[in-house]
Amino acid sequence: MLAIEMPRKDTKLRLDERILSALREKAEESGMSFNALCETILFSYAKSVGKLPPDAEPLPEARGGARPNAGKRKKSENDDRAPSDDEEN
């Protein structure tokens, strides 16, 4: 099966808050998402202990690059003001 055909699965972990903070900080410094950094670390570990074949390749990114404020509506100067009489009609 090609790596691209393998789906990612959601999972929940309970981790020491210090680990989470350190990984979030490192992800930001590296320009990676927290999830991408964790997946990279765990993929490398699984290969190093022989649980993945040496020639295994990680799945490609689900999206292209970091997108600051992705999905957030951009605020303009006019968003906070009340509509004028002309705009109400």
PDB file of N, CA and C in Angstrom:
ATOM      1  N   MET A   1       0.843  -1.181   0.000  1.00  0.00           N
ATOM      2  CA  MET A   1       0.000   0.000   0.000  1.00  0.00           C
ATOM      3  C   MET A   1       0.885   1.240   0.000  1.00  0.00           C
ATOM      4  N   LEU A   2       0.603   2.179  -0.865  1.00  0.00           N
ATOM      5  CA  LEU A   2       1.358   3.419  -0.921  1.00  0.00           C
ATOM      6  C   LEU A   2       1.056   4.275   0.298  1.00  0.00           C
ATOM      7  N   ALA A   3       2.056   5.027   0.725  1.00  0.00           N
ATOM      8  CA  ALA A   3       1.876   5.878   1.900  1.00  0.00           C
ATOM      9  C   ALA A   3       0.723   6.852   1.714  1.00  0.00           C
ATOM     10  N   ILE A   4       0.551   7.321   0.508  1.00  0.00           N
ATOM     11  CA  ILE A   4      -0.487   8.319   0.257  1.00  0.00           C
ATOM     12  C   ILE A   4      -1.891   7.751   0.454  1.00  0.00           C
ATOM     13  N   GLU A   5      -2.046   6.438   0.376  1.00  0.00           N
ATOM     14  CA  GLU A   5      -3.344   5.796   0.545  1.00  0.00           C
ATOM     15  C   GLU A   5      -3.687   5.560   2.013  1.00  0.00           C
ATOM     16  N   MET A   6      -2.702   5.641   2.893  1.00  0.00           N
ATOM     17  CA  MET A   6      -2.936   5.380   4.304  1.00  0.00           C
ATOM     18  C   MET A   6      -3.531   6.608   4.979  1.00  0.00           C
ATOM     19  N   PRO A   7      -4.667   6.440   5.633  1.00  0.00           N
ATOM     20  CA  PRO A   7      -5.268   7.599   6.299  1.00  0.00           C
ATOM     21  C   PRO A   7      -4.598   7.892   7.639  1.00  0.00           C
ATOM     22  N   ARG A   8      -4.672   9.125   8.040  1.00  0.00           N
ATOM     23  CA  ARG A   8      -4.249   9.481   9.395  1.00  0.00           C
ATOM     24  C   ARG A   8      -5.441   9.224  10.302  1.00  0.00           C
ATOM     25  N   LYS A   9      -5.162   8.860  11.534  1.00  0.00           N
ATOM     26  CA  LYS A   9      -6.230   8.605  12.493  1.00  0.00           C
ATOM     27  C   LYS A   9      -6.091   9.551  13.667  1.00  0.00           C
ATOM     28  N   ASP A  10      -7.220  10.029  14.142  1.00  0.00           N
ATOM     29  CA  ASP A  10      -7.222  10.866  15.336  1.00  0.00           C
ATOM     30  C   ASP A  10      -6.991   9.989  16.556  1.00  0.00           C
ATOM     31  N   THR A  11      -6.261  10.527  17.516  1.00  0.00           N
ATOM     32  CA  THR A  11      -6.041   9.825  18.771  1.00  0.00           C
ATOM     33  C   THR A  11      -5.914  10.854  19.880  1.00  0.00           C
ATOM     34  N   LYS A  12      -6.112  10.411  21.084  1.00  0.00           N
ATOM     35  CA  LYS A  12      -6.021  11.317  22.229  1.00  0.00           C
ATOM     36  C   LYS A  12      -4.918  10.807  23.148  1.00  0.00           C
ATOM     37  N   LEU A  13      -4.069  11.724  23.572  1.00  0.00           N
ATOM     38  CA  LEU A  13      -2.989  11.389  24.495  1.00  0.00           C
ATOM     39  C   LEU A  13      -3.075  12.279  25.722  1.00  0.00           C
ATOM     40  N   ARG A  14      -2.723  11.750  26.862  1.00  0.00           N
ATOM     41  CA  ARG A  14      -2.566  12.566  28.068  1.00  0.00           C
ATOM     42  C   ARG A  14      -1.082  12.655  28.332  1.00  0.00           C
ATOM     43  N   LEU A  15      -0.548  13.870  28.254  1.00  0.00           N
ATOM     44  CA  LEU A  15       0.889  14.067  28.395  1.00  0.00           C
ATOM     45  C   LEU A  15       1.197  15.107  29.459  1.00  0.00           C
ATOM     46  N   ASP A  16       2.379  15.009  29.998  1.00  0.00           N
ATOM     47  CA  ASP A  16       2.914  15.994  30.934  1.00  0.00           C
ATOM     48  C   ASP A  16       2.861  17.368  30.268  1.00  0.00           C
ATOM     49  N   GLU A  17       2.325  18.347  30.960  1.00  0.00           N
ATOM     50  CA  GLU A  17       2.185  19.690  30.391  1.00  0.00           C
ATOM     51  C   GLU A  17       3.524  20.284  29.976  1.00  0.00           C
ATOM     52  N   ARG A  18       4.606  19.915  30.662  1.00  0.00           N
ATOM     53  CA  ARG A  18       5.932  20.424  30.286  1.00  0.00           C
ATOM     54  C   ARG A  18       6.338  19.920  28.910  1.00  0.00           C
ATOM     55  N   ILE A  19       5.997  18.668  28.616  1.00  0.00           N
ATOM     56  CA  ILE A  19       6.299  18.103  27.299  1.00  0.00           C
ATOM     57  C   ILE A  19       5.503  18.838  26.228  1.00  0.00           C
ATOM     58  N   LEU A  20       4.215  19.042  26.494  1.00  0.00           N
ATOM     59  CA  LEU A  20       3.371  19.750  25.527  1.00  0.00           C
ATOM     60  C   LEU A  20       3.895  21.151  25.248  1.00  0.00           C
ATOM     61  N   SER A  21       4.250  21.870  26.299  1.00  0.00           N
ATOM     62  CA  SER A  21       4.767  23.236  26.132  1.00  0.00           C
ATOM     63  C   SER A  21       6.058  23.240  25.327  1.00  0.00           C
ATOM     64  N   ALA A  22       6.953  22.319  25.658  1.00  0.00           N
ATOM     65  CA  ALA A  22       8.239  22.249  24.959  1.00  0.00           C
ATOM     66  C   ALA A  22       8.041  21.915  23.482  1.00  0.00           C
ATOM     67  N   LEU A  23       7.155  20.976  23.190  1.00  0.00           N
ATOM     68  CA  LEU A  23       6.916  20.592  21.798  1.00  0.00           C
ATOM     69  C   LEU A  23       6.212  21.696  21.016  1.00  0.00           C
ATOM     70  N   ARG A  24       5.264  22.373  21.655  1.00  0.00           N
ATOM     71  CA  ARG A  24       4.591  23.496  20.975  1.00  0.00           C
ATOM     72  C   ARG A  24       5.594  24.597  20.647  1.00  0.00           C
ATOM     73  N   GLU A  25       6.475  24.887  21.602  1.00  0.00           N
ATOM     74  CA  GLU A  25       7.495  25.916  21.384  1.00  0.00           C
ATOM     75  C   GLU A  25       8.428  25.518  20.238  1.00  0.00           C
ATOM     76  N   LYS A  26       8.878  24.258  20.244  1.00  0.00           N
ATOM     77  CA  LYS A  26       9.777  23.781  19.191  1.00  0.00           C
ATOM     78  C   LYS A  26       9.083  23.783  17.831  1.00  0.00           C
ATOM     79  N   ALA A  27       7.816  23.399  17.797  1.00  0.00           N
ATOM     80  CA  ALA A  27       7.065  23.401  16.538  1.00  0.00           C
ATOM     81  C   ALA A  27       6.987  24.813  15.974  1.00  0.00           C
ATOM     82  N   GLU A  28       6.705  25.780  16.834  1.00  0.00           N
ATOM     83  CA  GLU A  28       6.623  27.170  16.375  1.00  0.00           C
ATOM     84  C   GLU A  28       7.976  27.654  15.861  1.00  0.00           C
ATOM     85  N   GLU A  29       9.047  27.336  16.591  1.00  0.00           N
ATOM     86  CA  GLU A  29      10.399  27.720  16.159  1.00  0.00           C
ATOM     87  C   GLU A  29      10.753  27.103  14.809  1.00  0.00           C
ATOM     88  N   SER A  30      10.264  25.890  14.571  1.00  0.00           N
ATOM     89  CA  SER A  30      10.580  25.152  13.344  1.00  0.00           C
ATOM     90  C   SER A  30       9.634  25.470  12.196  1.00  0.00           C
ATOM     91  N   GLY A  31       8.598  26.259  12.470  1.00  0.00           N
ATOM     92  CA  GLY A  31       7.623  26.571  11.428  1.00  0.00           C
ATOM     93  C   GLY A  31       6.754  25.383  11.066  1.00  0.00           C
ATOM     94  N   MET A  32       6.573  24.473  12.027  1.00  0.00           N
ATOM     95  CA  MET A  32       5.758  23.278  11.802  1.00  0.00           C
ATOM     96  C   MET A  32       4.523  23.353  12.684  1.00  0.00           C
ATOM     97  N   SER A  33       3.516  22.583  12.335  1.00  0.00           N
ATOM     98  CA  SER A  33       2.382  22.453  13.238  1.00  0.00           C
ATOM     99  C   SER A  33       2.800  21.522  14.376  1.00  0.00           C
ATOM    100  N   PHE A  34       2.113  21.636  15.487  1.00  0.00           N
ATOM    101  CA  PHE A  34       2.371  20.760  16.628  1.00  0.00           C
ATOM    102  C   PHE A  34       2.203  19.303  16.203  1.00  0.00           C
ATOM    103  N   ASN A  35       1.129  19.016  15.470  1.00  0.00           N
ATOM    104  CA  ASN A  35       0.860  17.655  15.033  1.00  0.00           C
ATOM    105  C   ASN A  35       1.968  17.132  14.122  1.00  0.00           C
ATOM    106  N   ALA A  36       2.426  17.967  13.179  1.00  0.00           N
ATOM    107  CA  ALA A  36       3.479  17.542  12.248  1.00  0.00           C
ATOM    108  C   ALA A  36       4.775  17.233  12.992  1.00  0.00           C
ATOM    109  N   LEU A  37       5.115  18.061  13.980  1.00  0.00           N
ATOM    110  CA  LEU A  37       6.327  17.809  14.761  1.00  0.00           C
ATOM    111  C   LEU A  37       6.212  16.492  15.520  1.00  0.00           C
ATOM    112  N   CYS A  38       5.082  16.278  16.189  1.00  0.00           N
ATOM    113  CA  CYS A  38       4.889  15.030  16.944  1.00  0.00           C
ATOM    114  C   CYS A  38       4.949  13.818  16.024  1.00  0.00           C
ATOM    115  N   GLU A  39       4.309  13.918  14.863  1.00  0.00           N
ATOM    116  CA  GLU A  39       4.323  12.806  13.913  1.00  0.00           C
ATOM    117  C   GLU A  39       5.744  12.531  13.421  1.00  0.00           C
ATOM    118  N   THR A  40       6.517  13.568  13.163  1.00  0.00           N
ATOM    119  CA  THR A  40       7.905  13.417  12.718  1.00  0.00           C
ATOM    120  C   THR A  40       8.740  12.714  13.777  1.00  0.00           C
ATOM    121  N   ILE A  41       8.601  13.148  15.020  1.00  0.00           N
ATOM    122  CA  ILE A  41       9.354  12.546  16.127  1.00  0.00           C
ATOM    123  C   ILE A  41       8.968  11.079  16.301  1.00  0.00           C
ATOM    124  N   LEU A  42       7.674  10.792  16.316  1.00  0.00           N
ATOM    125  CA  LEU A  42       7.214   9.417  16.532  1.00  0.00           C
ATOM    126  C   LEU A  42       7.558   8.512  15.348  1.00  0.00           C
ATOM    127  N   PHE A  43       7.495   9.038  14.136  1.00  0.00           N
ATOM    128  CA  PHE A  43       7.862   8.265  12.945  1.00  0.00           C
ATOM    129  C   PHE A  43       9.333   7.870  13.008  1.00  0.00           C
ATOM    130  N   SER A  44      10.171   8.834  13.338  1.00  0.00           N
ATOM    131  CA  SER A  44      11.610   8.583  13.449  1.00  0.00           C
ATOM    132  C   SER A  44      11.903   7.539  14.532  1.00  0.00           C
ATOM    133  N   TYR A  45      11.222   7.659  15.661  1.00  0.00           N
ATOM    134  CA  TYR A  45      11.420   6.699  16.751  1.00  0.00           C
ATOM    135  C   TYR A  45      10.990   5.291  16.316  1.00  0.00           C
ATOM    136  N   ALA A  46       9.817   5.180  15.693  1.00  0.00           N
ATOM    137  CA  ALA A  46       9.322   3.867  15.264  1.00  0.00           C
ATOM    138  C   ALA A  46      10.282   3.206  14.276  1.00  0.00           C
ATOM    139  N   LYS A  47      10.900   3.997  13.392  1.00  0.00           N
ATOM    140  CA  LYS A  47      11.903   3.449  12.471  1.00  0.00           C
ATOM    141  C   LYS A  47      13.149   3.011  13.235  1.00  0.00           C
ATOM    142  N   SER A  48      13.589   3.822  14.203  1.00  0.00           N
ATOM    143  CA  SER A  48      14.833   3.527  14.924  1.00  0.00           C
ATOM    144  C   SER A  48      14.743   2.260  15.770  1.00  0.00           C
ATOM    145  N   VAL A  49      13.541   1.912  16.221  1.00  0.00           N
ATOM    146  CA  VAL A  49      13.388   0.694  17.027  1.00  0.00           C
ATOM    147  C   VAL A  49      12.894  -0.486  16.195  1.00  0.00           C
ATOM    148  N   GLY A  50      12.868  -0.319  14.871  1.00  0.00           N
ATOM    149  CA  GLY A  50      12.528  -1.423  13.985  1.00  0.00           C
ATOM    150  C   GLY A  50      11.048  -1.717  13.843  1.00  0.00           C
ATOM    151  N   LYS A  51      10.181  -0.806  14.230  1.00  0.00           N
ATOM    152  CA  LYS A  51       8.740  -1.032  14.100  1.00  0.00           C
ATOM    153  C   LYS A  51       8.196  -0.552  12.757  1.00  0.00           C
ATOM    154  N   LEU A  52       9.004   0.208  12.036  1.00  0.00           N
ATOM    155  CA  LEU A  52       8.707   0.588  10.655  1.00  0.00           C
ATOM    156  C   LEU A  52       9.919   0.204   9.820  1.00  0.00           C
ATOM    157  N   PRO A  53       9.713  -0.188   8.567  1.00  0.00           N
ATOM    158  CA  PRO A  53      10.857  -0.553   7.724  1.00  0.00           C
ATOM    159  C   PRO A  53      11.794   0.639   7.520  1.00  0.00           C
ATOM    160  N   PRO A  54      13.088   0.373   7.352  1.00  0.00           N
ATOM    161  CA  PRO A  54      14.059   1.458   7.173  1.00  0.00           C
ATOM    162  C   PRO A  54      13.754   2.364   5.980  1.00  0.00           C
ATOM    163  N   ASP A  55      13.087   1.820   4.963  1.00  0.00           N
ATOM    164  CA  ASP A  55      12.782   2.629   3.780  1.00  0.00           C
ATOM    165  C   ASP A  55      11.399   3.291   3.843  1.00  0.00           C
ATOM    166  N   ALA A  56      10.719   3.179   4.986  1.00  0.00           N
ATOM    167  CA  ALA A  56       9.389   3.789   5.134  1.00  0.00           C
ATOM    168  C   ALA A  56       9.483   5.302   5.021  1.00  0.00           C
ATOM    169  N   GLU A  57       8.504   5.880   4.355  1.00  0.00           N
ATOM    170  CA  GLU A  57       8.434   7.334   4.186  1.00  0.00           C
ATOM    171  C   GLU A  57       7.204   7.856   4.915  1.00  0.00           C
ATOM    172  N   PRO A  58       7.322   9.012   5.560  1.00  0.00           N
ATOM    173  CA  PRO A  58       6.144   9.583   6.237  1.00  0.00           C
ATOM    174  C   PRO A  58       5.090  10.029   5.228  1.00  0.00           C
ATOM    175  N   LEU A  59       3.850  10.111   5.686  1.00  0.00           N
ATOM    176  CA  LEU A  59       2.780  10.617   4.836  1.00  0.00           C
ATOM    177  C   LEU A  59       3.048  12.081   4.511  1.00  0.00           C
ATOM    178  N   PRO A  60       2.623  12.523   3.342  1.00  0.00           N
ATOM    179  CA  PRO A  60       2.814  13.941   3.010  1.00  0.00           C
ATOM    180  C   PRO A  60       1.914  14.823   3.865  1.00  0.00           C
ATOM    181  N   GLU A  61       2.267  16.100   3.947  1.00  0.00           N
ATOM    182  CA  GLU A  61       1.445  17.062   4.678  1.00  0.00           C
ATOM    183  C   GLU A  61       0.041  17.071   4.095  1.00  0.00           C
ATOM    184  N   ALA A  62      -0.942  17.216   4.956  1.00  0.00           N
ATOM    185  CA  ALA A  62      -2.327  17.260   4.505  1.00  0.00           C
ATOM    186  C   ALA A  62      -2.646  18.577   3.811  1.00  0.00           C
ATOM    187  N   ARG A  63      -1.902  19.614   4.134  1.00  0.00           N
ATOM    188  CA  ARG A  63      -2.116  20.923   3.517  1.00  0.00           C
ATOM    189  C   ARG A  63      -0.760  21.551   3.257  1.00  0.00           C
ATOM    190  N   GLY A  64      -0.722  22.569   2.476  1.00  0.00           N
ATOM    191  CA  GLY A  64       0.539  23.201   2.121  1.00  0.00           C
ATOM    192  C   GLY A  64       0.943  24.329   3.037  1.00  0.00           C
ATOM    193  N   GLY A  65       1.950  24.128   3.838  1.00  0.00           N
ATOM    194  CA  GLY A  65       2.564  25.196   4.617  1.00  0.00           C
ATOM    195  C   GLY A  65       1.735  25.750   5.752  1.00  0.00           C
ATOM    196  N   ALA A  66       2.394  26.570   6.551  1.00  0.00           N
ATOM    197  CA  ALA A  66       1.741  27.205   7.689  1.00  0.00           C
ATOM    198  C   ALA A  66       0.826  28.310   7.182  1.00  0.00           C
ATOM    199  N   ARG A  67      -0.322  28.418   7.801  1.00  0.00           N
ATOM    200  CA  ARG A  67      -1.275  29.442   7.417  1.00  0.00           C
ATOM    201  C   ARG A  67      -1.728  30.184   8.665  1.00  0.00           C
ATOM    202  N   PRO A  68      -1.037  31.269   9.013  1.00  0.00           N
ATOM    203  CA  PRO A  68      -1.431  32.012  10.203  1.00  0.00           C
ATOM    204  C   PRO A  68      -2.886  32.457  10.106  1.00  0.00           C
ATOM    205  N   ASN A  69      -3.618  32.279  11.175  1.00  0.00           N
ATOM    206  CA  ASN A  69      -5.030  32.685  11.264  1.00  0.00           C
ATOM    207  C   ASN A  69      -5.915  32.035  10.204  1.00  0.00           C
ATOM    208  N   ALA A  70      -5.549  30.847   9.767  1.00  0.00           N
ATOM    209  CA  ALA A  70      -6.339  30.150   8.756  1.00  0.00           C
ATOM    210  C   ALA A  70      -7.761  29.955   9.261  1.00  0.00           C
ATOM    211  N   GLY A  71      -8.716  30.248   8.416  1.00  0.00           N
ATOM    212  CA  GLY A  71     -10.110  30.051   8.768  1.00  0.00           C
ATOM    213  C   GLY A  71     -10.729  31.196   9.540  1.00  0.00           C
ATOM    214  N   LYS A  72      -9.940  32.162   9.956  1.00  0.00           N
ATOM    215  CA  LYS A  72     -10.472  33.300  10.702  1.00  0.00           C
ATOM    216  C   LYS A  72     -10.850  34.405   9.731  1.00  0.00           C
ATOM    217  N   ARG A  73     -11.991  35.010   9.964  1.00  0.00           N
ATOM    218  CA  ARG A  73     -12.447  36.118   9.131  1.00  0.00           C
ATOM    219  C   ARG A  73     -11.587  37.332   9.412  1.00  0.00           C
ATOM    220  N   LYS A  74     -11.139  37.980   8.363  1.00  0.00           N
ATOM    221  CA  LYS A  74     -10.315  39.171   8.535  1.00  0.00           C
ATOM    222  C   LYS A  74     -11.188  40.337   8.949  1.00  0.00           C
ATOM    223  N   LYS A  75     -10.740  41.041   9.985  1.00  0.00           N
ATOM    224  CA  LYS A  75     -11.459  42.215  10.457  1.00  0.00           C
ATOM    225  C   LYS A  75     -10.998  43.429   9.684  1.00  0.00           C
ATOM    226  N   SER A  76     -11.936  44.259   9.317  1.00  0.00           N
ATOM    227  CA  SER A  76     -11.583  45.523   8.686  1.00  0.00           C
ATOM    228  C   SER A  76     -11.949  46.645   9.646  1.00  0.00           C
ATOM    229  N   GLU A  77     -11.510  47.841   9.338  1.00  0.00           N
ATOM    230  CA  GLU A  77     -11.831  48.989  10.185  1.00  0.00           C
ATOM    231  C   GLU A  77     -13.331  49.180  10.290  1.00  0.00           C
ATOM    232  N   ASN A  78     -14.062  48.830   9.258  1.00  0.00           N
ATOM    233  CA  ASN A  78     -15.497  49.077   9.207  1.00  0.00           C
ATOM    234  C   ASN A  78     -16.319  48.063   9.995  1.00  0.00           C
ATOM    235  N   ASP A  79     -15.743  46.966  10.430  1.00  0.00           N
ATOM    236  CA  ASP A  79     -16.495  45.924  11.121  1.00  0.00           C
ATOM    237  C   ASP A  79     -17.080  46.388  12.446  1.00  0.00           C
ATOM    238  N   ASP A  80     -16.420  47.307  13.130  1.00  0.00           N
ATOM    239  CA  ASP A  80     -16.842  47.709  14.468  1.00  0.00           C
ATOM    240  C   ASP A  80     -17.791  48.905  14.478  1.00  0.00           C
ATOM    241  N   ARG A  81     -17.997  49.533  13.364  1.00  0.00           N
ATOM    242  CA  ARG A  81     -18.849  50.725  13.370  1.00  0.00           C
ATOM    243  C   ARG A  81     -20.289  50.346  13.061  1.00  0.00           C
ATOM    244  N   ALA A  82     -21.199  51.179  13.516  1.00  0.00           N
ATOM    245  CA  ALA A  82     -22.619  50.957  13.246  1.00  0.00           C
ATOM    246  C   ALA A  82     -22.904  51.304  11.794  1.00  0.00           C
ATOM    247  N   PRO A  83     -23.837  50.603  11.165  1.00  0.00           N
ATOM    248  CA  PRO A  83     -24.156  50.917   9.775  1.00  0.00           C
ATOM    249  C   PRO A  83     -24.766  52.309   9.665  1.00  0.00           C
ATOM    250  N   SER A  84     -24.435  53.002   8.591  1.00  0.00           N
ATOM    251  CA  SER A  84     -24.996  54.334   8.366  1.00  0.00           C
ATOM    252  C   SER A  84     -26.399  54.192   7.795  1.00  0.00           C
ATOM    253  N   ASP A  85     -27.117  55.315   7.717  1.00  0.00           N
ATOM    254  CA  ASP A  85     -28.472  55.294   7.164  1.00  0.00           C
ATOM    255  C   ASP A  85     -28.480  54.754   5.740  1.00  0.00           C
ATOM    256  N   ASP A  86     -27.452  55.099   4.962  1.00  0.00           N
ATOM    257  CA  ASP A  86     -27.374  54.639   3.576  1.00  0.00           C
ATOM    258  C   ASP A  86     -27.220  53.126   3.489  1.00  0.00           C
ATOM    259  N   GLU A  87     -26.472  52.533   4.432  1.00  0.00           N
ATOM    260  CA  GLU A  87     -26.201  51.092   4.390  1.00  0.00           C
ATOM    261  C   GLU A  87     -27.385  50.271   4.864  1.00  0.00           C
ATOM    262  N   GLU A  88     -28.243  50.842   5.695  1.00  0.00           N
ATOM    263  CA  GLU A  88     -29.375  50.084   6.228  1.00  0.00           C
ATOM    264  C   GLU A  88     -30.442  49.849   5.173  1.00  0.00           C
ATOM    265  N   ASN A  89     -30.546  50.697   4.173  1.00  0.00           N
ATOM    266  CA  ASN A  89     -31.590  50.587   3.147  1.00  0.00           C
ATOM    267  C   ASN A  89     -31.145  49.785   1.986  1.00  0.00           C
TER     268      ASN A  89
END
